[in-house]
């Protein structure tokens, strides 16, 4: 597939990185994600639910927050926050208050957390989750996990309940 304008929506996670976050203002976590998708599922004709699917490494604490909460957010930021997203993608809440190392401002919004600096945020209600099954993977995908020494990611499908667009 050519990565040109007609397919721009397919590149948003890889190109801009997302920030998947779950929890409350008192206790939340999030991590930078480069894998995700958008689409529709589980509805009658012309009534399908708009969804975002994100993939989170089970070694990340964010996976626990995504498992334990009914809602999560997926946020995208202007380019000047790329350094903050790199921190959130490389640090763990187990070792440090990684959000304190960034310039991002968390805010409670309904049943989840958003960020004042995000220019596009999707508020999602978790509909489904599952960890990928290696026996169902193509050989090259299974090799990817083997080379990187990671367990297969969790897949979280969230129904988009609200979009905050500040672009």
N, C-alpha and C. Protein backbone atom coordinates (compact mmCIF):
# COMPACT_ATOMS: atom_id res chain seq x y z
N UNK A 1 0.85 -1.18 0.00
CA UNK A 1 0.00 0.00 0.00
C UNK A 1 0.89 1.24 0.00
N UNK A 2 0.60 2.16 -0.87
CA UNK A 2 1.30 3.44 -0.93
C UNK A 2 0.86 4.30 0.26
N UNK A 3 1.83 4.87 0.97
CA UNK A 3 1.50 5.68 2.16
C UNK A 3 1.25 7.14 1.76
N UNK A 4 0.30 7.33 0.90
CA UNK A 4 -0.03 8.70 0.48
C UNK A 4 -1.35 9.15 1.09
N UNK A 5 -1.80 10.33 0.72
CA UNK A 5 -2.95 10.95 1.36
C UNK A 5 -4.21 10.10 1.47
N UNK A 6 -4.64 9.39 0.42
CA UNK A 6 -5.88 8.63 0.57
C UNK A 6 -5.85 7.63 1.72
N UNK A 7 -4.65 7.21 2.11
CA UNK A 7 -4.52 6.22 3.16
C UNK A 7 -3.99 6.80 4.46
N UNK A 8 -4.02 8.10 4.61
CA UNK A 8 -3.45 8.77 5.77
C UNK A 8 -4.01 8.24 7.09
N UNK A 9 -5.29 7.92 7.15
CA UNK A 9 -5.88 7.42 8.39
C UNK A 9 -5.23 6.12 8.84
N UNK A 10 -4.71 5.32 7.92
CA UNK A 10 -4.07 4.06 8.28
C UNK A 10 -2.73 4.27 8.96
N UNK A 11 -2.17 5.45 8.83
CA UNK A 11 -0.83 5.72 9.35
C UNK A 11 -0.81 6.49 10.66
N UNK A 12 -1.93 6.87 11.19
CA UNK A 12 -1.94 7.78 12.34
C UNK A 12 -1.18 7.21 13.55
N UNK A 13 -1.32 5.93 13.83
CA UNK A 13 -0.62 5.36 14.98
C UNK A 13 0.88 5.27 14.72
N UNK A 14 1.26 4.76 13.57
CA UNK A 14 2.67 4.60 13.23
C UNK A 14 3.36 5.96 13.06
N UNK A 15 2.69 6.89 12.44
CA UNK A 15 3.26 8.20 12.14
C UNK A 15 3.26 9.13 13.35
N UNK A 16 2.12 9.23 14.04
CA UNK A 16 1.97 10.23 15.10
C UNK A 16 2.08 9.65 16.50
N UNK A 17 2.04 8.35 16.63
CA UNK A 17 2.02 7.66 17.91
C UNK A 17 0.78 8.08 18.70
N UNK A 18 0.18 7.15 19.34
CA UNK A 18 -0.96 7.43 20.21
C UNK A 18 -0.52 7.26 21.66
N UNK A 19 -1.33 7.74 22.55
CA UNK A 19 -1.11 7.54 23.98
C UNK A 19 -2.38 6.89 24.52
N UNK A 20 -2.28 5.61 24.88
CA UNK A 20 -3.41 4.89 25.47
C UNK A 20 -3.33 5.06 26.98
N UNK A 21 -4.43 5.47 27.59
CA UNK A 21 -4.45 5.78 29.02
C UNK A 21 -5.74 5.26 29.64
N UNK A 22 -5.63 4.77 30.87
CA UNK A 22 -6.81 4.32 31.62
C UNK A 22 -6.58 4.57 33.10
N UNK A 23 -7.67 4.72 33.82
CA UNK A 23 -7.61 4.93 35.26
C UNK A 23 -8.32 6.21 35.67
N UNK A 24 -8.00 6.66 36.88
CA UNK A 24 -8.56 7.89 37.43
C UNK A 24 -7.43 8.88 37.65
N UNK A 25 -7.75 10.11 37.92
CA UNK A 25 -6.71 11.11 38.13
C UNK A 25 -5.81 10.72 39.31
N UNK A 26 -6.38 10.04 40.29
CA UNK A 26 -5.60 9.60 41.44
C UNK A 26 -4.71 8.40 41.13
N UNK A 27 -5.08 7.61 40.14
CA UNK A 27 -4.34 6.39 39.84
C UNK A 27 -4.56 6.00 38.37
N UNK A 28 -3.64 6.36 37.51
CA UNK A 28 -3.75 6.05 36.09
C UNK A 28 -2.39 5.68 35.54
N UNK A 29 -2.42 5.13 34.36
CA UNK A 29 -1.19 4.90 33.61
C UNK A 29 -1.53 4.95 32.13
N UNK A 30 -0.50 5.19 31.36
CA UNK A 30 -0.64 5.23 29.92
C UNK A 30 0.70 4.94 29.29
N UNK A 31 0.65 4.52 28.04
CA UNK A 31 1.90 4.30 27.31
C UNK A 31 1.71 4.69 25.85
N UNK A 32 2.81 5.03 25.26
CA UNK A 32 2.83 5.37 23.85
C UNK A 32 2.62 4.09 23.04
N UNK A 33 1.76 4.19 22.04
CA UNK A 33 1.48 3.05 21.19
C UNK A 33 1.69 3.43 19.73
N UNK A 34 2.30 2.54 19.00
CA UNK A 34 2.51 2.75 17.58
C UNK A 34 1.64 1.83 16.74
N UNK A 35 0.87 0.97 17.40
CA UNK A 35 0.01 0.03 16.70
C UNK A 35 -1.44 0.29 17.09
N UNK A 36 -2.28 0.41 16.12
CA UNK A 36 -3.70 0.61 16.38
C UNK A 36 -4.48 0.61 15.08
N UNK A 37 -5.77 0.60 15.20
CA UNK A 37 -6.63 0.65 14.02
C UNK A 37 -7.96 1.27 14.38
N UNK A 38 -8.66 1.72 13.35
CA UNK A 38 -9.99 2.31 13.51
C UNK A 38 -10.93 1.62 12.54
N UNK A 39 -12.18 1.49 12.95
CA UNK A 39 -13.15 0.85 12.05
C UNK A 39 -14.52 0.82 12.67
N UNK A 40 -15.28 -0.18 12.27
CA UNK A 40 -16.64 -0.36 12.77
C UNK A 40 -16.87 -1.85 13.02
N UNK A 41 -17.70 -2.15 14.01
CA UNK A 41 -17.98 -3.55 14.33
C UNK A 41 -19.28 -3.64 15.14
N UNK A 42 -19.85 -4.81 15.16
CA UNK A 42 -20.94 -5.20 16.04
C UNK A 42 -22.14 -4.25 16.02
N UNK A 43 -22.80 -4.23 14.90
CA UNK A 43 -24.03 -3.46 14.78
C UNK A 43 -24.81 -3.91 13.56
N UNK A 44 -26.06 -3.55 13.51
CA UNK A 44 -26.88 -3.82 12.34
C UNK A 44 -26.41 -2.93 11.20
N UNK A 45 -26.83 -3.20 9.96
CA UNK A 45 -26.44 -2.33 8.85
C UNK A 45 -26.72 -0.86 9.16
N UNK A 46 -25.77 -0.04 8.87
CA UNK A 46 -25.82 1.41 9.11
C UNK A 46 -25.90 1.77 10.59
N UNK A 47 -25.62 0.83 11.47
CA UNK A 47 -25.64 1.10 12.90
C UNK A 47 -24.42 0.50 13.61
N UNK A 48 -23.37 0.18 12.85
CA UNK A 48 -22.19 -0.41 13.46
C UNK A 48 -21.54 0.58 14.41
N UNK A 49 -20.87 0.06 15.40
CA UNK A 49 -20.20 0.89 16.40
C UNK A 49 -18.84 1.34 15.88
N UNK A 50 -18.55 2.63 15.98
CA UNK A 50 -17.20 3.08 15.62
C UNK A 50 -16.23 2.63 16.72
N UNK A 51 -15.09 2.08 16.30
CA UNK A 51 -14.15 1.52 17.28
C UNK A 51 -12.72 1.96 17.02
N UNK A 52 -11.95 1.90 18.08
CA UNK A 52 -10.50 1.99 18.00
C UNK A 52 -9.98 0.73 18.66
N UNK A 53 -9.03 0.10 18.00
CA UNK A 53 -8.36 -1.07 18.55
C UNK A 53 -6.91 -0.69 18.81
N UNK A 54 -6.45 -0.94 20.03
CA UNK A 54 -5.06 -0.66 20.38
C UNK A 54 -4.41 -1.96 20.87
N UNK A 55 -3.11 -1.99 20.75
CA UNK A 55 -2.33 -3.17 21.09
C UNK A 55 -1.30 -2.77 22.13
N UNK A 56 -1.35 -3.41 23.29
CA UNK A 56 -0.51 -3.04 24.42
C UNK A 56 0.28 -4.26 24.89
N UNK A 57 1.57 -4.07 25.07
CA UNK A 57 2.45 -5.12 25.57
C UNK A 57 2.02 -5.50 26.99
N UNK A 58 1.83 -6.79 27.28
CA UNK A 58 1.38 -7.18 28.62
C UNK A 58 2.41 -6.90 29.71
N UNK A 59 3.65 -6.62 29.34
CA UNK A 59 4.67 -6.27 30.34
C UNK A 59 4.53 -4.83 30.82
N UNK A 60 3.74 -4.03 30.10
CA UNK A 60 3.52 -2.64 30.49
C UNK A 60 2.43 -2.57 31.55
N UNK A 61 2.63 -1.73 32.56
CA UNK A 61 1.58 -1.54 33.59
C UNK A 61 0.30 -1.01 32.97
N UNK A 62 0.42 -0.30 31.88
CA UNK A 62 -0.77 0.21 31.20
C UNK A 62 -1.72 -0.93 30.86
N UNK A 63 -1.19 -2.09 30.52
CA UNK A 63 -2.06 -3.23 30.21
C UNK A 63 -2.95 -3.56 31.40
N UNK A 64 -2.39 -3.52 32.61
CA UNK A 64 -3.20 -3.79 33.81
C UNK A 64 -4.31 -2.77 33.97
N UNK A 65 -3.99 -1.50 33.74
CA UNK A 65 -5.01 -0.44 33.85
C UNK A 65 -6.09 -0.61 32.78
N UNK A 66 -5.69 -1.01 31.58
CA UNK A 66 -6.66 -1.23 30.51
C UNK A 66 -7.56 -2.43 30.85
N UNK A 67 -6.98 -3.46 31.46
CA UNK A 67 -7.77 -4.62 31.85
C UNK A 67 -8.75 -4.29 32.97
N UNK A 68 -8.33 -3.43 33.90
CA UNK A 68 -9.11 -3.15 35.11
C UNK A 68 -10.16 -2.06 34.95
N UNK A 69 -10.15 -1.34 33.83
CA UNK A 69 -11.07 -0.21 33.66
C UNK A 69 -11.97 -0.42 32.46
N UNK A 70 -13.20 0.10 32.57
CA UNK A 70 -14.17 -0.03 31.50
C UNK A 70 -13.90 0.96 30.36
N UNK A 71 -13.27 2.09 30.69
CA UNK A 71 -13.01 3.14 29.70
C UNK A 71 -11.52 3.38 29.56
N UNK A 72 -11.12 3.81 28.37
CA UNK A 72 -9.75 4.25 28.13
C UNK A 72 -9.79 5.37 27.10
N UNK A 73 -8.70 6.10 27.03
CA UNK A 73 -8.58 7.15 26.02
C UNK A 73 -7.40 6.85 25.11
N UNK A 74 -7.50 7.34 23.89
CA UNK A 74 -6.39 7.29 22.94
C UNK A 74 -6.21 8.71 22.45
N UNK A 75 -5.04 9.28 22.74
CA UNK A 75 -4.78 10.68 22.44
C UNK A 75 -3.64 10.83 21.44
N UNK A 76 -3.74 11.86 20.62
CA UNK A 76 -2.69 12.22 19.66
C UNK A 76 -2.31 13.68 19.92
N UNK A 77 -1.03 13.98 19.72
CA UNK A 77 -0.48 15.27 20.13
C UNK A 77 0.23 15.97 18.98
N UNK A 78 0.35 17.30 19.07
CA UNK A 78 1.18 18.01 18.10
C UNK A 78 2.63 17.52 18.19
N UNK A 79 3.38 17.73 17.13
CA UNK A 79 4.76 17.23 17.02
C UNK A 79 5.66 17.68 18.17
N UNK A 80 5.41 18.84 18.76
CA UNK A 80 6.30 19.32 19.83
C UNK A 80 6.25 18.45 21.09
N UNK A 81 5.32 17.51 21.16
CA UNK A 81 5.22 16.62 22.32
C UNK A 81 5.83 15.24 22.05
N UNK A 82 6.53 15.11 20.95
CA UNK A 82 7.14 13.83 20.58
C UNK A 82 8.12 13.34 21.66
N UNK A 83 8.88 14.26 22.25
CA UNK A 83 9.83 13.88 23.30
C UNK A 83 9.09 13.32 24.51
N UNK A 84 7.96 13.92 24.87
CA UNK A 84 7.15 13.42 25.97
C UNK A 84 6.63 12.01 25.67
N UNK A 85 6.17 11.80 24.44
CA UNK A 85 5.67 10.47 24.05
C UNK A 85 6.79 9.44 24.07
N UNK A 86 8.01 9.86 23.72
CA UNK A 86 9.15 8.94 23.78
C UNK A 86 9.42 8.51 25.23
N UNK A 87 9.31 9.45 26.16
CA UNK A 87 9.49 9.13 27.58
C UNK A 87 8.42 8.13 28.02
N UNK A 88 7.17 8.39 27.66
CA UNK A 88 6.08 7.52 28.09
C UNK A 88 6.12 6.15 27.42
N UNK A 89 6.84 6.05 26.31
CA UNK A 89 7.00 4.78 25.64
C UNK A 89 8.20 3.98 26.12
N UNK A 90 9.08 4.64 26.89
CA UNK A 90 10.31 3.95 27.31
C UNK A 90 10.45 3.79 28.83
N UNK A 91 9.69 4.54 29.59
CA UNK A 91 9.76 4.47 31.06
C UNK A 91 8.58 3.66 31.60
N UNK A 92 8.75 3.16 32.81
CA UNK A 92 7.69 2.38 33.45
C UNK A 92 7.25 3.04 34.74
N UNK A 93 5.95 2.99 34.99
CA UNK A 93 5.40 3.50 36.24
C UNK A 93 5.92 2.69 37.43
N UNK A 94 6.35 1.46 37.18
CA UNK A 94 6.91 0.64 38.25
C UNK A 94 8.18 1.26 38.83
N UNK A 95 8.90 2.02 38.02
CA UNK A 95 10.19 2.56 38.42
C UNK A 95 10.19 4.05 38.72
N UNK A 96 9.26 4.79 38.12
CA UNK A 96 9.27 6.24 38.27
C UNK A 96 7.90 6.82 37.94
N UNK A 97 7.67 8.04 38.38
CA UNK A 97 6.46 8.76 37.96
C UNK A 97 6.75 9.34 36.59
N UNK A 98 6.56 8.52 35.57
CA UNK A 98 6.97 8.91 34.23
C UNK A 98 6.23 10.14 33.70
N UNK A 99 4.99 10.35 34.14
CA UNK A 99 4.26 11.53 33.67
C UNK A 99 4.85 12.82 34.24
N UNK A 100 5.47 12.73 35.42
CA UNK A 100 6.14 13.91 36.00
C UNK A 100 7.36 14.32 35.18
N UNK A 101 7.87 13.41 34.36
CA UNK A 101 9.02 13.72 33.51
C UNK A 101 8.62 14.40 32.21
N UNK A 102 7.32 14.57 32.01
CA UNK A 102 6.81 15.17 30.76
C UNK A 102 6.18 16.53 31.05
N UNK A 103 5.81 17.21 29.98
CA UNK A 103 5.11 18.49 30.11
C UNK A 103 3.60 18.32 29.93
N UNK A 104 3.12 17.07 29.97
CA UNK A 104 1.70 16.81 29.75
C UNK A 104 0.88 17.03 31.02
N UNK A 105 -0.34 17.51 30.82
CA UNK A 105 -1.25 17.81 31.92
C UNK A 105 -2.43 16.86 31.89
N UNK A 106 -2.43 15.84 32.78
CA UNK A 106 -3.57 14.91 32.81
C UNK A 106 -4.81 15.58 33.41
N UNK A 107 -5.96 15.21 32.85
CA UNK A 107 -7.24 15.72 33.33
C UNK A 107 -8.23 14.57 33.34
N UNK A 108 -9.06 14.53 34.38
CA UNK A 108 -10.12 13.52 34.40
C UNK A 108 -11.22 13.98 33.45
N UNK A 109 -11.72 13.05 32.68
CA UNK A 109 -12.80 13.35 31.73
C UNK A 109 -13.74 12.16 31.73
N UNK A 110 -14.89 12.32 32.37
CA UNK A 110 -15.82 11.19 32.47
C UNK A 110 -15.19 10.06 33.24
N UNK A 111 -15.03 8.93 32.60
CA UNK A 111 -14.52 7.72 33.24
C UNK A 111 -13.07 7.41 32.91
N UNK A 112 -12.34 8.40 32.42
CA UNK A 112 -10.94 8.14 32.04
C UNK A 112 -10.12 9.42 32.12
N UNK A 113 -8.91 9.36 31.59
CA UNK A 113 -7.97 10.47 31.64
C UNK A 113 -7.71 10.97 30.23
N UNK A 114 -7.66 12.30 30.08
CA UNK A 114 -7.25 12.93 28.84
C UNK A 114 -6.12 13.90 29.17
N UNK A 115 -5.60 14.57 28.16
CA UNK A 115 -4.49 15.49 28.37
C UNK A 115 -4.78 16.82 27.69
N UNK A 116 -4.51 17.90 28.42
CA UNK A 116 -4.78 19.25 27.92
C UNK A 116 -4.07 19.53 26.61
N UNK A 117 -2.90 18.94 26.41
CA UNK A 117 -2.09 19.24 25.25
C UNK A 117 -2.47 18.44 24.00
N UNK A 118 -3.29 17.40 24.16
CA UNK A 118 -3.67 16.56 23.01
C UNK A 118 -4.54 17.35 22.05
N UNK A 119 -4.30 17.16 20.77
CA UNK A 119 -5.16 17.84 19.81
C UNK A 119 -6.25 16.93 19.26
N UNK A 120 -6.15 15.62 19.54
CA UNK A 120 -7.19 14.69 19.13
C UNK A 120 -7.25 13.56 20.16
N UNK A 121 -8.42 13.37 20.77
CA UNK A 121 -8.57 12.34 21.79
C UNK A 121 -9.86 11.57 21.54
N UNK A 122 -9.76 10.25 21.63
CA UNK A 122 -10.90 9.36 21.51
C UNK A 122 -11.18 8.77 22.89
N UNK A 123 -12.40 8.93 23.37
CA UNK A 123 -12.83 8.32 24.62
C UNK A 123 -13.53 7.02 24.24
N UNK A 124 -13.05 5.92 24.79
CA UNK A 124 -13.53 4.60 24.37
C UNK A 124 -14.04 3.79 25.55
N UNK A 125 -15.13 3.06 25.30
CA UNK A 125 -15.63 2.08 26.27
C UNK A 125 -15.15 0.71 25.80
N UNK A 126 -14.44 0.02 26.65
CA UNK A 126 -13.87 -1.28 26.29
C UNK A 126 -14.99 -2.27 25.98
N UNK A 127 -14.94 -2.83 24.78
CA UNK A 127 -15.90 -3.84 24.34
C UNK A 127 -15.33 -5.25 24.40
N UNK A 128 -14.02 -5.35 24.19
CA UNK A 128 -13.40 -6.66 24.05
C UNK A 128 -11.90 -6.53 24.29
N UNK A 129 -11.33 -7.59 24.84
CA UNK A 129 -9.88 -7.67 24.95
C UNK A 129 -9.47 -9.14 24.89
N UNK A 130 -8.28 -9.35 24.44
CA UNK A 130 -7.72 -10.69 24.40
C UNK A 130 -6.23 -10.57 24.12
N UNK A 131 -5.47 -11.53 24.61
CA UNK A 131 -4.06 -11.58 24.27
C UNK A 131 -3.90 -12.42 23.01
N UNK A 132 -3.06 -11.95 22.10
CA UNK A 132 -2.85 -12.70 20.86
C UNK A 132 -2.37 -14.12 21.16
N UNK A 133 -2.84 -15.04 20.37
CA UNK A 133 -2.48 -16.45 20.50
C UNK A 133 -1.41 -16.75 19.45
N UNK A 134 -0.21 -17.11 19.91
CA UNK A 134 0.90 -17.34 18.99
C UNK A 134 0.60 -18.43 17.97
N UNK A 135 -0.21 -19.42 18.34
CA UNK A 135 -0.50 -20.50 17.39
C UNK A 135 -1.38 -20.02 16.23
N UNK A 136 -1.97 -18.84 16.35
CA UNK A 136 -2.80 -18.29 15.28
C UNK A 136 -2.05 -17.26 14.44
N UNK A 137 -0.78 -17.04 14.73
CA UNK A 137 0.01 -16.01 14.04
C UNK A 137 0.71 -16.58 12.81
N UNK A 138 0.85 -15.74 11.81
CA UNK A 138 1.68 -16.08 10.66
C UNK A 138 3.12 -16.26 11.15
N UNK A 139 3.87 -17.05 10.44
CA UNK A 139 5.25 -17.34 10.86
C UNK A 139 6.08 -16.09 11.07
N UNK A 140 5.97 -15.12 10.16
CA UNK A 140 6.79 -13.92 10.28
C UNK A 140 6.40 -13.08 11.49
N UNK A 141 5.14 -13.11 11.88
CA UNK A 141 4.70 -12.37 13.07
C UNK A 141 5.22 -13.08 14.32
N UNK A 142 5.12 -14.38 14.34
CA UNK A 142 5.65 -15.16 15.47
C UNK A 142 7.16 -14.93 15.59
N UNK A 143 7.86 -14.85 14.48
CA UNK A 143 9.30 -14.57 14.49
C UNK A 143 9.59 -13.18 15.05
N UNK A 144 8.73 -12.21 14.73
CA UNK A 144 8.89 -10.86 15.27
C UNK A 144 8.91 -10.90 16.80
N UNK A 145 7.96 -11.59 17.38
CA UNK A 145 7.92 -11.68 18.84
C UNK A 145 9.13 -12.43 19.38
N UNK A 146 9.55 -13.48 18.69
CA UNK A 146 10.72 -14.23 19.13
C UNK A 146 11.99 -13.39 19.10
N UNK A 147 12.17 -12.60 18.06
CA UNK A 147 13.36 -11.75 17.93
C UNK A 147 13.40 -10.66 18.99
N UNK A 148 12.23 -10.17 19.38
CA UNK A 148 12.17 -9.05 20.33
C UNK A 148 11.97 -9.51 21.77
N UNK A 149 11.86 -10.81 21.98
CA UNK A 149 11.75 -11.34 23.33
C UNK A 149 10.54 -10.84 24.11
N UNK A 150 9.44 -10.59 23.41
CA UNK A 150 8.24 -10.07 24.05
C UNK A 150 7.13 -11.12 24.02
N UNK A 151 6.27 -11.11 25.02
CA UNK A 151 5.06 -11.92 24.91
C UNK A 151 4.11 -11.23 23.94
N UNK A 152 3.19 -11.96 23.34
CA UNK A 152 2.23 -11.34 22.43
C UNK A 152 1.41 -10.24 23.13
N UNK A 153 1.09 -9.22 22.38
CA UNK A 153 0.35 -8.07 22.89
C UNK A 153 -1.11 -8.41 23.22
N UNK A 154 -1.68 -7.57 24.06
CA UNK A 154 -3.13 -7.56 24.25
C UNK A 154 -3.74 -6.72 23.15
N UNK A 155 -4.91 -7.12 22.73
CA UNK A 155 -5.73 -6.33 21.82
C UNK A 155 -6.91 -5.81 22.63
N UNK A 156 -7.11 -4.50 22.59
CA UNK A 156 -8.25 -3.87 23.26
C UNK A 156 -9.10 -3.18 22.20
N UNK A 157 -10.36 -3.56 22.11
CA UNK A 157 -11.29 -2.91 21.20
C UNK A 157 -12.19 -2.01 22.03
N UNK A 158 -12.20 -0.73 21.69
CA UNK A 158 -13.03 0.22 22.40
C UNK A 158 -14.02 0.91 21.49
N UNK A 159 -15.27 0.99 21.93
CA UNK A 159 -16.28 1.75 21.19
C UNK A 159 -16.02 3.24 21.43
N UNK A 160 -15.89 4.00 20.37
CA UNK A 160 -15.66 5.44 20.50
C UNK A 160 -16.95 6.09 20.98
N UNK A 161 -16.90 6.64 22.20
CA UNK A 161 -18.08 7.28 22.79
C UNK A 161 -18.02 8.80 22.63
N UNK A 162 -16.81 9.34 22.46
CA UNK A 162 -16.65 10.79 22.33
C UNK A 162 -15.33 11.07 21.63
N UNK A 163 -15.32 12.12 20.83
CA UNK A 163 -14.10 12.58 20.19
C UNK A 163 -13.88 14.03 20.59
N UNK A 164 -12.69 14.31 21.08
CA UNK A 164 -12.32 15.69 21.41
C UNK A 164 -11.30 16.12 20.36
N UNK A 165 -11.71 17.02 19.48
CA UNK A 165 -10.87 17.44 18.36
C UNK A 165 -10.52 18.91 18.54
N UNK A 166 -9.27 19.19 18.85
CA UNK A 166 -8.78 20.58 19.06
C UNK A 166 -7.88 21.02 17.92
N UNK A 167 -7.88 20.27 16.82
CA UNK A 167 -7.00 20.63 15.71
C UNK A 167 -7.50 21.87 15.00
